[in-house]
Amino acid sequence: MEGVQIVVRIFKTIDSSIHEIQEPQEGCWIALTNPTATEIFEISEQFGIEVDDLRAPLDEEERSRIEVEDNYTLILADVPAIEERNEKDWYVTIPLGIIVTQKMIFTVCLEDTQVLTRFMEGRVRNFFTRFILQILYRNASMYLRYLRIIDKKSEQIEEKLHLSTRNQELMELLELEKSLVYFTTSLRSNEMVLEKLLKVESIKQYPEDTDLLEDVIIENKQAIE
């Protein structure tokens, strides 16, 4: 639906595949993209989540962290995003909130993120059981993918600079350098969240979940390196 932004979407695994549903049910994922103040208040009232925790991922300056409340856990992590300026793609980071209750999972983000679209398109089965860890793994992989693109772009610009010194190429290199600073800061913040997650037993439902979380930490470290 071009031009129409779907702000609140609900998904659930039915017969081993993901389906979009109309009403919240136990075991569902509620995805909020740039929700309004009214929608945040309604979600807060209906599901007992603090308004500030729902709002936090909408603040671009919000830091990555994990908060364990009585009836839910909030995980805030930075995800890579593409920002279009002057008909070129530049790389930035934005916060993604994952709120885990006993019966549902909520995600909150300022914009649609490729970290989540793979799940929305049904390419991951039985997402609820290991969904949080899969999101975090996908996130670390996206950083690595974008870093390879930045590396390739830098090489191409440097080759042009060998032929002639032009302001345009120098500005592009500075922009890419800025992207790397964003990524480094975000990846280090995410690393602290991942290390803390190792101690949160409610997130790990199966014995192999610790292994998956350690894989996420390794992937994140690779991106930092």
N, C-alpha and C. Protein backbone atom coordinates (compact mmCIF):
# COMPACT_ATOMS: atom_id res chain seq x y z
N MET A 1 0.86 -1.19 0.00
CA MET A 1 0.00 0.00 0.00
C MET A 1 0.89 1.24 0.00
N GLU A 2 1.19 1.72 -1.19
CA GLU A 2 2.11 2.83 -1.33
C GLU A 2 1.53 4.10 -0.71
N GLY A 3 2.39 4.78 0.06
CA GLY A 3 1.96 6.05 0.65
C GLY A 3 1.20 5.90 1.94
N VAL A 4 0.85 4.65 2.31
CA VAL A 4 0.10 4.43 3.55
C VAL A 4 1.03 3.75 4.56
N GLN A 5 1.20 4.38 5.69
CA GLN A 5 2.07 3.81 6.71
C GLN A 5 1.23 3.02 7.70
N ILE A 6 1.52 1.72 7.78
CA ILE A 6 0.83 0.88 8.75
C ILE A 6 1.59 1.01 10.07
N VAL A 7 0.97 1.61 11.06
CA VAL A 7 1.67 1.96 12.29
C VAL A 7 1.73 0.79 13.27
N VAL A 8 0.61 0.10 13.45
CA VAL A 8 0.57 -1.03 14.38
C VAL A 8 0.17 -2.29 13.62
N ARG A 9 1.05 -3.28 13.64
CA ARG A 9 0.76 -4.55 12.96
C ARG A 9 0.94 -5.68 13.96
N ILE A 10 0.13 -6.73 13.82
CA ILE A 10 0.15 -7.85 14.75
C ILE A 10 0.42 -9.14 13.97
N PHE A 11 1.35 -9.93 14.46
CA PHE A 11 1.73 -11.17 13.78
C PHE A 11 1.68 -12.34 14.76
N LYS A 12 1.42 -13.53 14.19
CA LYS A 12 1.42 -14.74 15.01
C LYS A 12 1.80 -15.94 14.16
N THR A 13 2.52 -16.89 14.78
CA THR A 13 2.85 -18.12 14.08
C THR A 13 1.65 -19.05 14.15
N ILE A 14 1.16 -19.44 12.98
CA ILE A 14 0.04 -20.39 12.87
C ILE A 14 0.47 -21.47 11.89
N ASP A 15 0.43 -22.74 12.34
CA ASP A 15 0.86 -23.87 11.50
C ASP A 15 2.27 -23.65 10.95
N SER A 16 3.19 -23.26 11.83
CA SER A 16 4.61 -23.09 11.52
C SER A 16 4.93 -21.96 10.54
N SER A 17 3.95 -21.11 10.24
CA SER A 17 4.28 -19.95 9.39
C SER A 17 3.63 -18.69 9.99
N ILE A 18 4.23 -17.56 9.71
CA ILE A 18 3.77 -16.32 10.32
C ILE A 18 2.61 -15.71 9.53
N HIS A 19 1.63 -15.22 10.26
CA HIS A 19 0.45 -14.60 9.64
C HIS A 19 0.19 -13.27 10.34
N GLU A 20 -0.30 -12.31 9.57
CA GLU A 20 -0.73 -11.05 10.17
C GLU A 20 -2.17 -11.22 10.64
N ILE A 21 -2.44 -10.85 11.89
CA ILE A 21 -3.78 -10.98 12.45
C ILE A 21 -4.30 -9.59 12.86
N GLN A 22 -5.59 -9.52 13.16
CA GLN A 22 -6.22 -8.23 13.43
C GLN A 22 -6.26 -7.86 14.92
N GLU A 23 -6.37 -8.86 15.78
CA GLU A 23 -6.50 -8.61 17.22
C GLU A 23 -5.37 -9.29 17.99
N PRO A 24 -4.90 -8.68 19.08
CA PRO A 24 -3.84 -9.31 19.88
C PRO A 24 -4.29 -10.65 20.46
N GLN A 25 -3.40 -11.63 20.44
CA GLN A 25 -3.64 -12.94 21.05
C GLN A 25 -2.38 -13.36 21.80
N GLU A 26 -2.54 -14.33 22.67
CA GLU A 26 -1.37 -14.86 23.38
C GLU A 26 -0.37 -15.41 22.36
N GLY A 27 0.90 -15.10 22.57
CA GLY A 27 1.94 -15.60 21.68
C GLY A 27 2.13 -14.76 20.42
N CYS A 28 1.55 -13.56 20.40
CA CYS A 28 1.68 -12.73 19.19
C CYS A 28 2.80 -11.71 19.33
N TRP A 29 3.15 -11.12 18.20
CA TRP A 29 4.13 -10.04 18.14
C TRP A 29 3.40 -8.78 17.66
N ILE A 30 3.48 -7.72 18.44
CA ILE A 30 2.86 -6.44 18.08
C ILE A 30 3.97 -5.47 17.69
N ALA A 31 3.97 -5.08 16.42
CA ALA A 31 5.02 -4.20 15.89
C ALA A 31 4.48 -2.78 15.75
N LEU A 32 5.12 -1.85 16.45
CA LEU A 32 4.71 -0.44 16.39
C LEU A 32 5.78 0.36 15.65
N THR A 33 5.38 1.02 14.57
CA THR A 33 6.29 1.86 13.80
C THR A 33 5.86 3.31 13.93
N ASN A 34 6.71 4.11 14.57
CA ASN A 34 6.43 5.53 14.80
C ASN A 34 4.99 5.76 15.30
N PRO A 35 4.61 5.08 16.40
CA PRO A 35 3.23 5.20 16.89
C PRO A 35 2.92 6.60 17.42
N THR A 36 1.66 6.96 17.38
CA THR A 36 1.22 8.27 17.90
C THR A 36 1.14 8.21 19.42
N ALA A 37 1.01 9.37 20.05
CA ALA A 37 0.88 9.44 21.51
C ALA A 37 -0.35 8.67 21.97
N THR A 38 -1.43 8.75 21.19
CA THR A 38 -2.68 8.03 21.54
C THR A 38 -2.46 6.54 21.50
N GLU A 39 -1.79 6.05 20.45
CA GLU A 39 -1.54 4.60 20.33
C GLU A 39 -0.65 4.11 21.46
N ILE A 40 0.34 4.90 21.82
CA ILE A 40 1.22 4.52 22.93
C ILE A 40 0.43 4.41 24.22
N PHE A 41 -0.44 5.39 24.47
CA PHE A 41 -1.25 5.39 25.69
C PHE A 41 -2.17 4.18 25.72
N GLU A 42 -2.79 3.86 24.59
CA GLU A 42 -3.71 2.71 24.52
C GLU A 42 -2.97 1.39 24.79
N ILE A 43 -1.79 1.23 24.18
CA ILE A 43 -0.99 0.02 24.40
C ILE A 43 -0.57 -0.08 25.87
N SER A 44 -0.18 1.07 26.43
CA SER A 44 0.22 1.13 27.84
C SER A 44 -0.91 0.68 28.76
N GLU A 45 -2.10 1.22 28.52
CA GLU A 45 -3.28 0.89 29.34
C GLU A 45 -3.66 -0.57 29.20
N GLN A 46 -3.68 -1.05 27.95
CA GLN A 46 -4.17 -2.41 27.68
C GLN A 46 -3.23 -3.49 28.18
N PHE A 47 -1.90 -3.22 28.10
CA PHE A 47 -0.96 -4.30 28.39
C PHE A 47 -0.06 -4.03 29.60
N GLY A 48 -0.30 -2.91 30.29
CA GLY A 48 0.44 -2.64 31.52
C GLY A 48 1.91 -2.35 31.31
N ILE A 49 2.22 -1.63 30.23
CA ILE A 49 3.61 -1.25 29.94
C ILE A 49 3.74 0.25 30.18
N GLU A 50 4.80 0.66 30.86
CA GLU A 50 5.00 2.08 31.15
C GLU A 50 5.10 2.90 29.86
N VAL A 51 4.42 4.05 29.84
CA VAL A 51 4.43 4.93 28.67
C VAL A 51 5.88 5.31 28.30
N ASP A 52 6.69 5.61 29.31
CA ASP A 52 8.08 6.03 29.06
C ASP A 52 8.88 4.92 28.36
N ASP A 53 8.59 3.66 28.69
CA ASP A 53 9.30 2.54 28.06
C ASP A 53 8.87 2.37 26.60
N LEU A 54 7.61 2.68 26.30
CA LEU A 54 7.13 2.62 24.92
C LEU A 54 7.65 3.80 24.10
N ARG A 55 7.84 4.92 24.78
CA ARG A 55 8.32 6.13 24.09
C ARG A 55 9.84 6.11 23.85
N ALA A 56 10.56 5.44 24.72
CA ALA A 56 12.03 5.49 24.69
C ALA A 56 12.63 5.21 23.31
N PRO A 57 12.16 4.17 22.57
CA PRO A 57 12.78 3.89 21.26
C PRO A 57 12.51 4.97 20.21
N LEU A 58 11.61 5.91 20.49
CA LEU A 58 11.28 6.96 19.53
C LEU A 58 12.21 8.17 19.68
N ASP A 59 13.08 8.12 20.69
CA ASP A 59 14.05 9.19 20.92
C ASP A 59 15.39 8.75 20.33
N GLU A 60 15.84 9.43 19.28
CA GLU A 60 17.06 9.03 18.58
C GLU A 60 18.30 9.10 19.47
N GLU A 61 18.21 9.86 20.56
CA GLU A 61 19.36 10.00 21.47
C GLU A 61 19.36 8.93 22.57
N GLU A 62 18.33 8.10 22.60
CA GLU A 62 18.21 7.10 23.67
C GLU A 62 19.35 6.09 23.58
N ARG A 63 19.91 5.73 24.73
CA ARG A 63 21.03 4.79 24.74
C ARG A 63 20.55 3.35 24.82
N SER A 64 21.36 2.43 24.33
CA SER A 64 21.06 1.00 24.43
C SER A 64 21.12 0.57 25.89
N ARG A 65 20.14 -0.24 26.28
CA ARG A 65 20.13 -0.71 27.67
C ARG A 65 19.11 -1.83 27.83
N ILE A 66 19.10 -2.45 28.99
CA ILE A 66 18.10 -3.47 29.31
C ILE A 66 17.49 -3.13 30.67
N GLU A 67 16.17 -3.17 30.75
CA GLU A 67 15.45 -2.89 32.00
C GLU A 67 14.53 -4.07 32.31
N VAL A 68 14.68 -4.65 33.49
CA VAL A 68 13.81 -5.77 33.88
C VAL A 68 12.78 -5.25 34.87
N GLU A 69 11.52 -5.19 34.42
CA GLU A 69 10.42 -4.74 35.28
C GLU A 69 9.70 -5.96 35.85
N ASP A 70 8.67 -5.71 36.68
CA ASP A 70 7.94 -6.82 37.31
C ASP A 70 7.25 -7.73 36.29
N ASN A 71 6.62 -7.11 35.27
CA ASN A 71 5.83 -7.93 34.35
C ASN A 71 6.33 -7.90 32.91
N TYR A 72 7.49 -7.28 32.67
CA TYR A 72 8.06 -7.32 31.32
C TYR A 72 9.54 -6.93 31.36
N THR A 73 10.23 -7.21 30.26
CA THR A 73 11.64 -6.82 30.10
C THR A 73 11.75 -5.94 28.87
N LEU A 74 12.44 -4.80 29.02
CA LEU A 74 12.68 -3.89 27.90
C LEU A 74 14.13 -4.02 27.45
N ILE A 75 14.31 -4.27 26.15
CA ILE A 75 15.64 -4.30 25.56
C ILE A 75 15.70 -3.17 24.53
N LEU A 76 16.64 -2.27 24.72
CA LEU A 76 16.84 -1.18 23.75
C LEU A 76 18.18 -1.40 23.06
N ALA A 77 18.15 -1.49 21.73
CA ALA A 77 19.39 -1.68 20.97
C ALA A 77 19.37 -0.74 19.77
N ASP A 78 20.55 -0.35 19.31
CA ASP A 78 20.63 0.47 18.11
C ASP A 78 20.67 -0.42 16.88
N VAL A 79 19.91 -0.04 15.85
CA VAL A 79 19.91 -0.80 14.59
C VAL A 79 20.41 0.12 13.47
N PRO A 80 21.07 -0.46 12.46
CA PRO A 80 21.55 0.38 11.35
C PRO A 80 20.38 0.79 10.46
N ALA A 81 20.48 1.99 9.90
CA ALA A 81 19.42 2.49 9.02
C ALA A 81 20.05 3.29 7.89
N ILE A 82 19.32 3.41 6.78
CA ILE A 82 19.80 4.18 5.64
C ILE A 82 19.04 5.50 5.57
N GLU A 83 19.79 6.56 5.47
CA GLU A 83 19.20 7.90 5.38
C GLU A 83 19.56 8.48 4.00
N GLU A 84 18.53 8.88 3.25
CA GLU A 84 18.79 9.42 1.91
C GLU A 84 18.97 10.93 1.97
N ARG A 85 20.12 11.40 1.46
CA ARG A 85 20.39 12.83 1.40
C ARG A 85 21.09 13.15 0.09
N ASN A 86 20.63 14.19 -0.60
CA ASN A 86 21.23 14.59 -1.89
C ASN A 86 21.33 13.42 -2.87
N GLU A 87 20.24 12.60 -2.87
CA GLU A 87 20.13 11.45 -3.78
C GLU A 87 21.20 10.39 -3.54
N LYS A 88 21.75 10.37 -2.33
CA LYS A 88 22.71 9.32 -1.96
C LYS A 88 22.29 8.68 -0.65
N ASP A 89 22.67 7.41 -0.48
CA ASP A 89 22.36 6.70 0.76
C ASP A 89 23.50 6.86 1.76
N TRP A 90 23.15 7.27 3.00
CA TRP A 90 24.12 7.35 4.08
C TRP A 90 23.65 6.48 5.22
N TYR A 91 24.58 6.07 6.06
CA TYR A 91 24.27 5.09 7.09
C TYR A 91 24.27 5.72 8.48
N VAL A 92 23.19 5.48 9.21
CA VAL A 92 23.03 6.01 10.55
C VAL A 92 22.53 4.88 11.45
N THR A 93 22.26 5.18 12.71
CA THR A 93 21.65 4.17 13.59
C THR A 93 20.46 4.80 14.31
N ILE A 94 19.46 3.96 14.58
CA ILE A 94 18.28 4.40 15.33
C ILE A 94 17.95 3.36 16.40
N PRO A 95 17.27 3.75 17.48
CA PRO A 95 16.93 2.78 18.52
C PRO A 95 15.80 1.85 18.10
N LEU A 96 15.89 0.62 18.57
CA LEU A 96 14.80 -0.36 18.43
C LEU A 96 14.48 -0.87 19.83
N GLY A 97 13.22 -0.80 20.22
CA GLY A 97 12.80 -1.32 21.52
C GLY A 97 12.13 -2.68 21.36
N ILE A 98 12.52 -3.63 22.19
CA ILE A 98 11.87 -4.95 22.23
C ILE A 98 11.35 -5.12 23.65
N ILE A 99 10.05 -5.27 23.78
CA ILE A 99 9.44 -5.44 25.11
C ILE A 99 8.84 -6.84 25.17
N VAL A 100 9.32 -7.60 26.14
CA VAL A 100 8.92 -9.00 26.26
C VAL A 100 8.06 -9.18 27.51
N THR A 101 6.78 -9.56 27.32
CA THR A 101 5.92 -9.90 28.45
C THR A 101 5.79 -11.42 28.49
N GLN A 102 5.04 -11.93 29.45
CA GLN A 102 4.88 -13.38 29.54
C GLN A 102 4.11 -13.94 28.36
N LYS A 103 3.24 -13.12 27.75
CA LYS A 103 2.37 -13.64 26.69
C LYS A 103 2.63 -13.06 25.31
N MET A 104 3.32 -11.92 25.22
CA MET A 104 3.50 -11.24 23.94
C MET A 104 4.87 -10.59 23.83
N ILE A 105 5.20 -10.22 22.58
CA ILE A 105 6.42 -9.46 22.32
C ILE A 105 6.01 -8.20 21.56
N PHE A 106 6.57 -7.06 21.96
CA PHE A 106 6.31 -5.79 21.28
C PHE A 106 7.63 -5.27 20.72
N THR A 107 7.58 -4.69 19.53
CA THR A 107 8.74 -3.96 19.03
C THR A 107 8.29 -2.54 18.73
N VAL A 108 9.17 -1.58 19.03
CA VAL A 108 8.86 -0.16 18.80
C VAL A 108 10.05 0.47 18.09
N CYS A 109 9.78 1.14 16.95
CA CYS A 109 10.85 1.77 16.20
C CYS A 109 10.31 3.00 15.47
N LEU A 110 11.18 3.97 15.22
CA LEU A 110 10.78 5.19 14.53
C LEU A 110 10.39 4.95 13.08
N GLU A 111 10.98 3.93 12.47
CA GLU A 111 10.70 3.65 11.06
C GLU A 111 10.77 2.16 10.80
N ASP A 112 10.28 1.75 9.62
CA ASP A 112 10.41 0.35 9.23
C ASP A 112 11.90 0.01 9.14
N THR A 113 12.29 -1.09 9.73
CA THR A 113 13.70 -1.47 9.70
C THR A 113 13.86 -2.85 9.06
N GLN A 114 14.90 -2.99 8.26
CA GLN A 114 15.16 -4.28 7.62
C GLN A 114 15.48 -5.37 8.63
N VAL A 115 15.82 -4.97 9.84
CA VAL A 115 16.07 -5.96 10.90
C VAL A 115 14.79 -6.76 11.17
N LEU A 116 13.62 -6.11 11.01
CA LEU A 116 12.34 -6.78 11.31
C LEU A 116 11.58 -7.27 10.08
N THR A 117 11.83 -6.67 8.89
CA THR A 117 11.01 -7.02 7.73
C THR A 117 11.11 -8.50 7.35
N ARG A 118 12.28 -9.09 7.58
CA ARG A 118 12.45 -10.52 7.26
C ARG A 118 11.47 -11.37 8.04
N PHE A 119 11.22 -10.98 9.27
CA PHE A 119 10.27 -11.71 10.11
C PHE A 119 8.83 -11.43 9.65
N MET A 120 8.56 -10.16 9.32
CA MET A 120 7.22 -9.79 8.87
C MET A 120 6.82 -10.51 7.58
N GLU A 121 7.82 -10.78 6.75
CA GLU A 121 7.56 -11.45 5.48
C GLU A 121 7.44 -12.97 5.63
N GLY A 122 7.55 -13.45 6.87
CA GLY A 122 7.32 -14.87 7.12
C GLY A 122 8.49 -15.77 6.80
N ARG A 123 9.69 -15.21 6.77
CA ARG A 123 10.85 -16.03 6.43
C ARG A 123 11.52 -16.66 7.65
N VAL A 124 10.89 -16.50 8.82
CA VAL A 124 11.40 -17.13 10.04
C VAL A 124 10.24 -17.88 10.70
N ARG A 125 10.43 -19.15 10.97
CA ARG A 125 9.36 -19.95 11.57
C ARG A 125 9.41 -19.87 13.09
N ASN A 126 8.23 -20.09 13.69
CA ASN A 126 8.12 -20.16 15.16
C ASN A 126 8.91 -19.04 15.84
N PHE A 127 8.63 -17.81 15.42
CA PHE A 127 9.46 -16.69 15.87
C PHE A 127 9.39 -16.43 17.36
N PHE A 128 8.28 -16.79 18.01
CA PHE A 128 8.09 -16.35 19.39
C PHE A 128 9.13 -16.93 20.33
N THR A 129 9.45 -18.21 20.17
CA THR A 129 10.31 -18.87 21.14
C THR A 129 11.72 -18.28 21.22
N ARG A 130 12.28 -17.89 20.07
CA ARG A 130 13.65 -17.39 20.07
C ARG A 130 13.73 -16.05 19.34
N PHE A 131 12.59 -15.39 19.29
CA PHE A 131 12.45 -14.19 18.46
C PHE A 131 13.44 -13.10 18.84
N ILE A 132 13.56 -12.83 20.14
CA ILE A 132 14.42 -11.75 20.59
C ILE A 132 15.86 -12.01 20.14
N LEU A 133 16.32 -13.24 20.34
CA LEU A 133 17.70 -13.59 19.99
C LEU A 133 17.89 -13.54 18.48
N GLN A 134 16.86 -13.96 17.72
CA GLN A 134 16.95 -13.91 16.27
C GLN A 134 17.01 -12.47 15.75
N ILE A 135 16.24 -11.58 16.39
CA ILE A 135 16.27 -10.15 16.01
C ILE A 135 17.69 -9.61 16.24
N LEU A 136 18.25 -9.91 17.40
CA LEU A 136 19.57 -9.39 17.75
C LEU A 136 20.65 -9.96 16.82
N TYR A 137 20.49 -11.22 16.42
CA TYR A 137 21.44 -11.83 15.48
C TYR A 137 21.33 -11.16 14.11
N ARG A 138 20.09 -10.97 13.68
CA ARG A 138 19.82 -10.30 12.40
C ARG A 138 20.41 -8.87 12.42
N ASN A 139 20.28 -8.21 13.56
CA ASN A 139 20.80 -6.85 13.70
C ASN A 139 22.31 -6.82 13.51
N ALA A 140 23.01 -7.71 14.21
CA ALA A 140 24.47 -7.76 14.10
C ALA A 140 24.89 -8.09 12.66
N SER A 141 24.14 -8.96 12.00
CA SER A 141 24.43 -9.31 10.61
C SER A 141 24.23 -8.13 9.68
N MET A 142 23.20 -7.31 9.96
CA MET A 142 22.93 -6.12 9.14
C MET A 142 24.09 -5.12 9.27
N TYR A 143 24.61 -4.96 10.48
CA TYR A 143 25.77 -4.08 10.67
C TYR A 143 26.94 -4.55 9.79
N LEU A 144 27.21 -5.87 9.82
CA LEU A 144 28.31 -6.41 9.03
C LEU A 144 28.09 -6.17 7.54
N ARG A 145 26.84 -6.34 7.11
CA ARG A 145 26.51 -6.14 5.69
C ARG A 145 26.74 -4.68 5.28
N TYR A 146 26.24 -3.75 6.10
CA TYR A 146 26.41 -2.33 5.78
C TYR A 146 27.88 -1.90 5.86
N LEU A 147 28.62 -2.49 6.79
CA LEU A 147 30.05 -2.16 6.91
C LEU A 147 30.82 -2.58 5.66
N ARG A 148 30.44 -3.73 5.07
CA ARG A 148 31.08 -4.17 3.82
C ARG A 148 30.79 -3.18 2.70
N ILE A 149 29.52 -2.68 2.68
CA ILE A 149 29.14 -1.70 1.64
C ILE A 149 29.94 -0.41 1.83
N ILE A 150 30.05 0.05 3.09
CA ILE A 150 30.82 1.28 3.38
C ILE A 150 32.28 1.10 2.96
N ASP A 151 32.83 -0.08 3.26
CA ASP A 151 34.22 -0.37 2.90
C ASP A 151 34.43 -0.30 1.39
N LYS A 152 33.47 -0.89 0.66
CA LYS A 152 33.55 -0.90 -0.81
C LYS A 152 33.43 0.52 -1.36
N LYS A 153 32.47 1.30 -0.80
CA LYS A 153 32.29 2.69 -1.23
C LYS A 153 33.56 3.51 -0.98
N SER A 154 34.17 3.31 0.19
CA SER A 154 35.39 4.04 0.54
C SER A 154 36.50 3.77 -0.47
N GLU A 155 36.63 2.49 -0.85
CA GLU A 155 37.67 2.11 -1.82
C GLU A 155 37.44 2.79 -3.16
N GLN A 156 36.17 2.81 -3.58
CA GLN A 156 35.83 3.43 -4.87
C GLN A 156 36.14 4.93 -4.86
N ILE A 157 35.80 5.59 -3.74
CA ILE A 157 36.04 7.03 -3.64
C ILE A 157 37.54 7.32 -3.60
N GLU A 158 38.29 6.48 -2.87
CA GLU A 158 39.74 6.67 -2.78
C GLU A 158 40.40 6.51 -4.15
N GLU A 159 39.88 5.57 -4.96
CA GLU A 159 40.41 5.39 -6.32
C GLU A 159 40.18 6.66 -7.14
N LYS A 160 39.01 7.27 -6.99
CA LYS A 160 38.71 8.51 -7.72
C LYS A 160 39.65 9.63 -7.26
N LEU A 161 39.94 9.64 -5.95
CA LEU A 161 40.80 10.69 -5.40
C LEU A 161 42.24 10.58 -5.92
N HIS A 162 42.66 9.36 -6.26
CA HIS A 162 43.99 9.18 -6.83
C HIS A 162 44.11 9.86 -8.19
N LEU A 163 42.97 9.90 -8.87
CA LEU A 163 42.96 10.50 -10.21
C LEU A 163 42.83 12.03 -10.15
N SER A 164 42.05 12.52 -9.19
CA SER A 164 41.90 13.97 -9.04
C SER A 164 41.39 14.29 -7.65
N THR A 165 41.86 15.39 -7.09
CA THR A 165 41.41 15.81 -5.76
C THR A 165 40.18 16.70 -5.93
N ARG A 166 39.04 16.17 -5.51
CA ARG A 166 37.80 16.95 -5.65
C ARG A 166 37.07 17.02 -4.31
N ASN A 167 36.46 18.16 -4.07
CA ASN A 167 35.72 18.35 -2.81
C ASN A 167 34.63 17.33 -2.61
N GLN A 168 33.95 16.97 -3.70
CA GLN A 168 32.82 16.03 -3.60
C GLN A 168 33.25 14.70 -2.99
N GLU A 169 34.38 14.15 -3.51
CA GLU A 169 34.86 12.87 -2.99
C GLU A 169 35.30 12.99 -1.53
N LEU A 170 35.94 14.11 -1.20
CA LEU A 170 36.38 14.32 0.18
C LEU A 170 35.19 14.40 1.13
N MET A 171 34.12 15.07 0.69
CA MET A 171 32.90 15.17 1.51
C MET A 171 32.26 13.80 1.70
N GLU A 172 32.26 13.00 0.63
CA GLU A 172 31.67 11.65 0.72
C GLU A 172 32.46 10.79 1.70
N LEU A 173 33.78 10.92 1.66
CA LEU A 173 34.61 10.16 2.61
C LEU A 173 34.33 10.58 4.05
N LEU A 174 34.15 11.87 4.25
CA LEU A 174 33.83 12.38 5.60
C LEU A 174 32.48 11.85 6.07
N GLU A 175 31.51 11.77 5.16
CA GLU A 175 30.19 11.24 5.52
C GLU A 175 30.29 9.77 5.90
N LEU A 176 31.08 9.00 5.14
CA LEU A 176 31.26 7.58 5.45
C LEU A 176 31.97 7.41 6.79
N GLU A 177 32.92 8.31 7.05
CA GLU A 177 33.63 8.29 8.34
C GLU A 177 32.65 8.53 9.49
N LYS A 178 31.71 9.46 9.26
CA LYS A 178 30.68 9.75 10.26
C LYS A 178 29.82 8.52 10.52
N SER A 179 29.48 7.80 9.44
CA SER A 179 28.68 6.57 9.57
C SER A 179 29.41 5.55 10.44
N LEU A 180 30.73 5.44 10.23
CA LEU A 180 31.52 4.48 11.02
C LEU A 180 31.54 4.86 12.49
N VAL A 181 31.55 6.16 12.78
CA VAL A 181 31.51 6.62 14.17
C VAL A 181 30.17 6.23 14.80
N TYR A 182 29.05 6.46 14.06
CA TYR A 182 27.72 6.05 14.54
C TYR A 182 27.71 4.56 14.84
N PHE A 183 28.22 3.78 13.89
CA PHE A 183 28.18 2.32 14.02
C PHE A 183 29.01 1.85 15.21
N THR A 184 30.23 2.41 15.34
CA THR A 184 31.11 1.99 16.44
C THR A 184 30.47 2.26 17.80
N THR A 185 29.92 3.47 17.96
CA THR A 185 29.26 3.84 19.23
C THR A 185 28.10 2.90 19.52
N SER A 186 27.27 2.64 18.50
CA SER A 186 26.09 1.80 18.67
C SER A 186 26.45 0.35 18.95
N LEU A 187 27.43 -0.16 18.22
CA LEU A 187 27.84 -1.57 18.41
C LEU A 187 28.40 -1.79 19.81
N ARG A 188 29.15 -0.82 20.32
CA ARG A 188 29.70 -0.97 21.68
C ARG A 188 28.60 -0.91 22.74
N SER A 189 27.59 -0.05 22.50
CA SER A 189 26.44 0.01 23.42
C SER A 189 25.66 -1.29 23.37
N ASN A 190 25.45 -1.80 22.15
CA ASN A 190 24.74 -3.07 22.00
C ASN A 190 25.48 -4.21 22.68
N GLU A 191 26.82 -4.16 22.62
CA GLU A 191 27.63 -5.22 23.23
C GLU A 191 27.35 -5.31 24.74
N MET A 192 27.22 -4.17 25.40
CA MET A 192 26.93 -4.17 26.84
C MET A 192 25.56 -4.79 27.12
N VAL A 193 24.57 -4.48 26.25
CA VAL A 193 23.23 -5.05 26.41
C VAL A 193 23.28 -6.57 26.24
N LEU A 194 24.02 -7.04 25.23
CA LEU A 194 24.11 -8.49 24.97
C LEU A 194 24.78 -9.22 26.13
N GLU A 195 25.82 -8.60 26.69
CA GLU A 195 26.51 -9.22 27.84
C GLU A 195 25.55 -9.33 29.04
N LYS A 196 24.73 -8.30 29.24
CA LYS A 196 23.76 -8.33 30.35
C LYS A 196 22.67 -9.37 30.10
N LEU A 197 22.31 -9.54 28.83
CA LEU A 197 21.26 -10.52 28.49
C LEU A 197 21.65 -11.94 28.90
N LEU A 198 22.94 -12.21 28.90
CA LEU A 198 23.41 -13.55 29.30
C LEU A 198 22.95 -13.89 30.72
N LYS A 199 22.72 -12.84 31.53
CA LYS A 199 22.33 -13.05 32.94
C LYS A 199 20.82 -13.03 33.15
N VAL A 200 20.05 -12.70 32.08
CA VAL A 200 18.58 -12.62 32.22
C VAL A 200 17.97 -13.96 31.82
N GLU A 201 17.61 -14.75 32.81
CA GLU A 201 17.13 -16.11 32.55
C GLU A 201 15.79 -16.15 31.82
N SER A 202 14.94 -15.13 32.02
CA SER A 202 13.60 -15.16 31.40
C SER A 202 13.66 -15.09 29.88
N ILE A 203 14.76 -14.58 29.34
CA ILE A 203 14.92 -14.46 27.89
C ILE A 203 15.30 -15.81 27.28
N LYS A 204 16.03 -16.61 28.06
CA LYS A 204 16.52 -17.90 27.54
C LYS A 204 15.56 -19.02 27.92
N GLN A 205 14.78 -19.47 26.96
CA GLN A 205 13.77 -20.48 27.23
C GLN A 205 14.25 -21.91 26.98
N TYR A 206 15.31 -22.03 26.19
CA TYR A 206 15.82 -23.36 25.83
C TYR A 206 17.32 -23.40 26.09
N PRO A 207 17.89 -24.59 26.37
CA PRO A 207 19.32 -24.69 26.68
C PRO A 207 20.21 -24.09 25.58
N GLU A 208 19.80 -24.30 24.30
CA GLU A 208 20.63 -23.81 23.19
C GLU A 208 20.53 -22.29 22.99
N ASP A 209 19.62 -21.63 23.73
CA ASP A 209 19.48 -20.18 23.59
C ASP A 209 20.75 -19.46 24.03
N THR A 210 21.44 -19.99 25.02
CA THR A 210 22.69 -19.37 25.46
C THR A 210 23.71 -19.43 24.32
N ASP A 211 23.74 -20.55 23.59
CA ASP A 211 24.65 -20.69 22.45
C ASP A 211 24.32 -19.66 21.38
N LEU A 212 23.01 -19.48 21.12
CA LEU A 212 22.59 -18.51 20.10
C LEU A 212 22.98 -17.10 20.52
N LEU A 213 22.79 -16.78 21.80
CA LEU A 213 23.14 -15.46 22.30
C LEU A 213 24.65 -15.23 22.19
N GLU A 214 25.43 -16.28 22.45
CA GLU A 214 26.89 -16.16 22.31
C GLU A 214 27.28 -15.94 20.85
N ASP A 215 26.51 -16.57 19.93
CA ASP A 215 26.74 -16.34 18.49
C ASP A 215 26.47 -14.88 18.12
N VAL A 216 25.42 -14.31 18.73
CA VAL A 216 25.09 -12.90 18.49
C VAL A 216 26.24 -12.02 18.97
N ILE A 217 26.78 -12.33 20.16
CA ILE A 217 27.88 -11.54 20.73
C ILE A 217 29.12 -11.62 19.81
N ILE A 218 29.40 -12.82 19.29
CA ILE A 218 30.54 -13.00 18.37
C ILE A 218 30.33 -12.17 17.10
N GLU A 219 29.12 -12.23 16.55
CA GLU A 219 28.80 -11.47 15.33
C GLU A 219 28.95 -9.97 15.58
N ASN A 220 28.50 -9.53 16.74
CA ASN A 220 28.60 -8.12 17.11
C ASN A 220 30.07 -7.70 17.25
N LYS A 221 30.88 -8.58 17.88
CA LYS A 221 32.32 -8.29 18.05
C LYS A 221 33.01 -8.18 16.69
N GLN A 222 32.60 -9.06 15.75
CA GLN A 222 33.18 -9.01 14.40
C GLN A 222 32.91 -7.67 13.73
N ALA A 223 31.69 -7.18 13.94
CA ALA A 223 31.31 -5.88 13.37
C ALA A 223 32.16 -4.77 13.98
N ILE A 224 32.39 -4.84 15.30
CA ILE A 224 33.21 -3.82 15.98
C ILE A 224 34.63 -3.85 15.42
N GLU A 225 35.17 -5.07 15.26
CA GLU A 225 36.54 -5.20 14.75
C GLU A 225 36.64 -4.69 13.32
